[in-house]
Amino acid sequence: MYKGFTGVVFLLLGGCSLHPYSKDELLNTGTTSPEYCLTQERAVVEERVQGYLNHCFHPQVTELNTGARLVNTIQLKVDRNAERSDMVLWAPTIYGSQFYMNLIVSEKNPACKTTMTAVASGWGFARNFPKILESANGEDPWCPL
């Protein structure tokens, strides 16, 4: 019984570190989307995708009827330069920052006006890839999470 209990405790505590603790770790170990070739201008794609990410992933506080609070602190950080824009979903936790998704919007492929790729830390975030593509194309997708 002791081994079973220890295994359950280990699994529960191990669940706190399911996501990478750095952007580099996310890029090296995450699930990568296909490279999307888009016909819209880079600035338009960035605005649409950022709108989707802000809508679906934003800090939330949920009040429970027991008086407790659940806090979701996922944040979006956008870094832009002349070559590309990185949109990173991350959250500060008591274990350190955890990284969930990184989107790169660029003009690296001359056959496309804009190129977009994403890396997610697991299936839960990777299932947003089609929705992100829909938003980049000007549609209004629902949030899968």
C-alpha atoms as a PDB file:
ATOM      1  CA  MET A   1       0.000   0.000   0.000  1.00  0.00           C
ATOM      2  CA  TYR A   2       2.838   2.378   0.830  1.00  0.00           C
ATOM      3  CA  LYS A   3       4.254   2.008  -2.719  1.00  0.00           C
ATOM      4  CA  GLY A   4       0.843   2.718  -4.249  1.00  0.00           C
ATOM      5  CA  PHE A   5       0.378   5.812  -2.108  1.00  0.00           C
ATOM      6  CA  THR A   6       3.902   7.026  -2.903  1.00  0.00           C
ATOM      7  CA  GLY A   7       3.239   6.521  -6.621  1.00  0.00           C
ATOM      8  CA  VAL A   8       0.036   8.577  -6.470  1.00  0.00           C
ATOM      9  CA  VAL A   9       1.769  11.388  -4.560  1.00  0.00           C
ATOM     10  CA  PHE A  10       4.643  11.345  -7.068  1.00  0.00           C
ATOM     11  CA  LEU A  11       2.218  11.552 -10.002  1.00  0.00           C
ATOM     12  CA  LEU A  12       0.305  14.428  -8.419  1.00  0.00           C
ATOM     13  CA  LEU A  13       3.451  16.393  -7.621  1.00  0.00           C
ATOM     14  CA  GLY A  14       4.974  15.547 -10.996  1.00  0.00           C
ATOM     15  CA  GLY A  15       1.908  17.012 -12.690  1.00  0.00           C
ATOM     16  CA  CYS A  16       3.034  20.456 -11.604  1.00  0.00           C
ATOM     17  CA  SER A  17       5.937  20.337 -14.037  1.00  0.00           C
ATOM     18  CA  LEU A  18       4.227  19.123 -17.192  1.00  0.00           C
ATOM     19  CA  HIS A  19       5.108  22.276 -19.123  1.00  0.00           C
ATOM     20  CA  PRO A  20       8.560  23.593 -20.060  1.00  0.00           C
ATOM     21  CA  TYR A  21      10.238  26.151 -17.814  1.00  0.00           C
ATOM     22  CA  SER A  22      11.842  28.149 -20.639  1.00  0.00           C
ATOM     23  CA  LYS A  23      11.011  29.248 -24.161  1.00  0.00           C
ATOM     24  CA  ASP A  24      14.030  27.342 -25.499  1.00  0.00           C
ATOM     25  CA  GLU A  25      12.867  24.148 -23.773  1.00  0.00           C
ATOM     26  CA  LEU A  26       9.405  24.626 -25.293  1.00  0.00           C
ATOM     27  CA  LEU A  27      10.874  25.095 -28.778  1.00  0.00           C
ATOM     28  CA  ASN A  28      13.051  21.976 -28.386  1.00  0.00           C
ATOM     29  CA  THR A  29      10.487  19.610 -26.841  1.00  0.00           C
ATOM     30  CA  GLY A  30       7.063  20.898 -27.924  1.00  0.00           C
ATOM     31  CA  THR A  31       4.656  19.806 -30.630  1.00  0.00           C
ATOM     32  CA  THR A  32       5.248  21.808 -33.824  1.00  0.00           C
ATOM     33  CA  SER A  33       2.516  22.915 -36.207  1.00  0.00           C
ATOM     34  CA  PRO A  34       2.884  22.818 -39.967  1.00  0.00           C
ATOM     35  CA  GLU A  35       4.326  25.940 -41.551  1.00  0.00           C
ATOM     36  CA  TYR A  36       1.282  27.922 -42.647  1.00  0.00           C
ATOM     37  CA  CYS A  37       1.622  29.989 -45.841  1.00  0.00           C
ATOM     38  CA  LEU A  38      -0.758  32.951 -45.684  1.00  0.00           C
ATOM     39  CA  THR A  39      -1.840  35.505 -48.279  1.00  0.00           C
ATOM     40  CA  GLN A  40      -2.464  38.333 -45.795  1.00  0.00           C
ATOM     41  CA  GLU A  41       0.071  40.958 -44.765  1.00  0.00           C
ATOM     42  CA  ARG A  42       2.156  40.189 -41.679  1.00  0.00           C
ATOM     43  CA  ALA A  43       0.657  43.052 -39.627  1.00  0.00           C
ATOM     44  CA  VAL A  44      -2.883  41.819 -40.338  1.00  0.00           C
ATOM     45  CA  VAL A  45      -2.030  38.240 -39.349  1.00  0.00           C
ATOM     46  CA  GLU A  46      -0.317  39.422 -36.160  1.00  0.00           C
ATOM     47  CA  GLU A  47      -3.315  41.526 -35.142  1.00  0.00           C
ATOM     48  CA  ARG A  48      -5.810  38.706 -35.788  1.00  0.00           C
ATOM     49  CA  VAL A  49      -3.772  36.016 -34.041  1.00  0.00           C
ATOM     50  CA  GLN A  50      -3.031  38.257 -31.074  1.00  0.00           C
ATOM     51  CA  GLY A  51      -6.761  38.992 -30.803  1.00  0.00           C
ATOM     52  CA  TYR A  52      -7.537  35.259 -30.726  1.00  0.00           C
ATOM     53  CA  LEU A  53      -4.859  34.562 -28.113  1.00  0.00           C
ATOM     54  CA  ASN A  54      -6.015  37.464 -25.927  1.00  0.00           C
ATOM     55  CA  HIS A  55      -9.601  36.229 -26.172  1.00  0.00           C
ATOM     56  CA  CYS A  56      -8.883  32.566 -25.420  1.00  0.00           C
ATOM     57  CA  PHE A  57      -5.945  32.871 -23.022  1.00  0.00           C
ATOM     58  CA  HIS A  58      -6.148  35.653 -20.477  1.00  0.00           C
ATOM     59  CA  PRO A  59      -5.808  35.888 -16.705  1.00  0.00           C
ATOM     60  CA  GLN A  60      -9.002  34.756 -14.994  1.00  0.00           C
ATOM     61  CA  VAL A  61     -10.197  34.520 -11.421  1.00  0.00           C
ATOM     62  CA  THR A  62     -13.034  32.101 -10.712  1.00  0.00           C
ATOM     63  CA  GLU A  63     -14.896  32.494  -7.425  1.00  0.00           C
ATOM     64  CA  LEU A  64     -16.127  29.191  -6.004  1.00  0.00           C
ATOM     65  CA  ASN A  65     -19.237  29.002  -3.830  1.00  0.00           C
ATOM     66  CA  THR A  66     -17.016  27.670  -1.028  1.00  0.00           C
ATOM     67  CA  GLY A  67     -15.311  31.068  -0.862  1.00  0.00           C
ATOM     68  CA  ALA A  68     -12.143  29.819  -2.537  1.00  0.00           C
ATOM     69  CA  ARG A  69     -10.661  31.269  -5.733  1.00  0.00           C
ATOM     70  CA  LEU A  70      -9.096  29.587  -8.728  1.00  0.00           C
ATOM     71  CA  VAL A  71      -6.589  31.789 -10.500  1.00  0.00           C
ATOM     72  CA  ASN A  72      -5.466  31.218 -14.087  1.00  0.00           C
ATOM     73  CA  THR A  73      -2.524  33.468 -14.858  1.00  0.00           C
ATOM     74  CA  ILE A  74      -1.737  32.622 -18.490  1.00  0.00           C
ATOM     75  CA  GLN A  75      -0.242  35.698 -20.111  1.00  0.00           C
ATOM     76  CA  LEU A  76       0.669  36.680 -23.657  1.00  0.00           C
ATOM     77  CA  LYS A  77       4.044  38.237 -24.350  1.00  0.00           C
ATOM     78  CA  VAL A  78       4.683  39.643 -27.845  1.00  0.00           C
ATOM     79  CA  ASP A  79       8.195  40.374 -29.126  1.00  0.00           C
ATOM     80  CA  ARG A  80       8.405  42.064 -32.521  1.00  0.00           C
ATOM     81  CA  ASN A  81      11.384  42.893 -34.670  1.00  0.00           C
ATOM     82  CA  ALA A  82      11.998  43.418 -38.397  1.00  0.00           C
ATOM     83  CA  GLU A  83      12.320  39.686 -39.144  1.00  0.00           C
ATOM     84  CA  ARG A  84       9.502  38.187 -37.076  1.00  0.00           C
ATOM     85  CA  SER A  85       7.069  38.364 -34.200  1.00  0.00           C
ATOM     86  CA  ASP A  86       7.062  35.871 -31.345  1.00  0.00           C
ATOM     87  CA  MET A  87       3.842  35.471 -29.372  1.00  0.00           C
ATOM     88  CA  VAL A  88       4.464  33.452 -26.231  1.00  0.00           C
ATOM     89  CA  LEU A  89       1.816  32.077 -23.860  1.00  0.00           C
ATOM     90  CA  TRP A  90       3.330  31.601 -20.427  1.00  0.00           C
ATOM     91  CA  ALA A  91       2.428  31.777 -16.746  1.00  0.00           C
ATOM     92  CA  PRO A  92       4.301  32.480 -13.551  1.00  0.00           C
ATOM     93  CA  THR A  93       3.845  29.651 -11.037  1.00  0.00           C
ATOM     94  CA  ILE A  94       5.257  28.835  -7.637  1.00  0.00           C
ATOM     95  CA  TYR A  95       7.561  26.397  -9.457  1.00  0.00           C
ATOM     96  CA  GLY A  96       8.882  29.019 -11.903  1.00  0.00           C
ATOM     97  CA  SER A  97       7.586  30.319 -15.200  1.00  0.00           C
ATOM     98  CA  GLN A  98       5.940  27.736 -17.428  1.00  0.00           C
ATOM     99  CA  PHE A  99       5.657  28.072 -21.200  1.00  0.00           C
ATOM    100  CA  TYR A 100       2.645  26.755 -23.125  1.00  0.00           C
ATOM    101  CA  MET A 101       2.829  27.977 -26.711  1.00  0.00           C
ATOM    102  CA  ASN A 102       5.038  30.033 -29.002  1.00  0.00           C
ATOM    103  CA  LEU A 103       3.803  31.415 -32.326  1.00  0.00           C
ATOM    104  CA  ILE A 104       6.158  32.850 -34.902  1.00  0.00           C
ATOM    105  CA  VAL A 105       4.807  35.137 -37.609  1.00  0.00           C
ATOM    106  CA  SER A 106       7.308  36.155 -40.266  1.00  0.00           C
ATOM    107  CA  GLU A 107       7.922  36.766 -43.949  1.00  0.00           C
ATOM    108  CA  LYS A 108      10.675  34.156 -44.266  1.00  0.00           C
ATOM    109  CA  ASN A 109       9.145  32.219 -47.173  1.00  0.00           C
ATOM    110  CA  PRO A 110       9.210  34.320 -50.377  1.00  0.00           C
ATOM    111  CA  ALA A 111       6.331  32.259 -51.829  1.00  0.00           C
ATOM    112  CA  CYS A 112       4.018  33.570 -49.071  1.00  0.00           C
ATOM    113  CA  LYS A 113       3.146  37.065 -47.897  1.00  0.00           C
ATOM    114  CA  THR A 114       3.285  35.776 -44.328  1.00  0.00           C
ATOM    115  CA  THR A 115       4.498  32.556 -42.744  1.00  0.00           C
ATOM    116  CA  MET A 116       3.217  31.284 -39.405  1.00  0.00           C
ATOM    117  CA  THR A 117       4.373  28.388 -37.233  1.00  0.00           C
ATOM    118  CA  ALA A 118       3.582  27.393 -33.670  1.00  0.00           C
ATOM    119  CA  VAL A 119       5.043  25.147 -30.989  1.00  0.00           C
ATOM    120  CA  ALA A 120       2.854  23.918 -28.129  1.00  0.00           C
ATOM    121  CA  SER A 121       3.627  22.067 -24.925  1.00  0.00           C
ATOM    122  CA  GLY A 122       1.303  19.161 -25.435  1.00  0.00           C
ATOM    123  CA  TRP A 123      -1.983  18.188 -26.988  1.00  0.00           C
ATOM    124  CA  GLY A 124      -4.121  20.603 -24.972  1.00  0.00           C
ATOM    125  CA  PHE A 125      -2.419  23.602 -26.528  1.00  0.00           C
ATOM    126  CA  ALA A 126      -1.601  21.996 -29.893  1.00  0.00           C
ATOM    127  CA  ARG A 127      -5.306  21.544 -30.593  1.00  0.00           C
ATOM    128  CA  ASN A 128      -5.443  25.328 -30.991  1.00  0.00           C
ATOM    129  CA  PHE A 129      -3.361  25.194 -34.198  1.00  0.00           C
ATOM    130  CA  PRO A 130      -6.376  24.977 -36.559  1.00  0.00           C
ATOM    131  CA  LYS A 131      -8.181  27.719 -34.616  1.00  0.00           C
ATOM    132  CA  ILE A 132      -5.151  29.998 -34.798  1.00  0.00           C
ATOM    133  CA  LEU A 133      -5.020  29.434 -38.554  1.00  0.00           C
ATOM    134  CA  GLU A 134      -8.739  30.271 -38.801  1.00  0.00           C
ATOM    135  CA  SER A 135      -8.176  33.516 -36.896  1.00  0.00           C
ATOM    136  CA  ALA A 136      -5.192  34.405 -39.106  1.00  0.00           C
ATOM    137  CA  ASN A 137      -7.476  34.010 -42.133  1.00  0.00           C
ATOM    138  CA  GLY A 138     -10.028  36.431 -40.665  1.00  0.00           C
ATOM    139  CA  GLU A 139     -12.520  33.961 -39.224  1.00  0.00           C
ATOM    140  CA  ASP A 140     -13.868  34.086 -35.652  1.00  0.00           C
ATOM    141  CA  PRO A 141     -13.099  30.643 -34.158  1.00  0.00           C
ATOM    142  CA  TRP A 142     -14.222  29.369 -30.771  1.00  0.00           C
ATOM    143  CA  CYS A 143     -11.721  28.632 -28.029  1.00  0.00           C
ATOM    144  CA  PRO A 144     -11.057  24.893 -27.616  1.00  0.00           C
ATOM    145  CA  LEU A 145      -9.766  25.077 -24.035  1.00  0.00           C
END
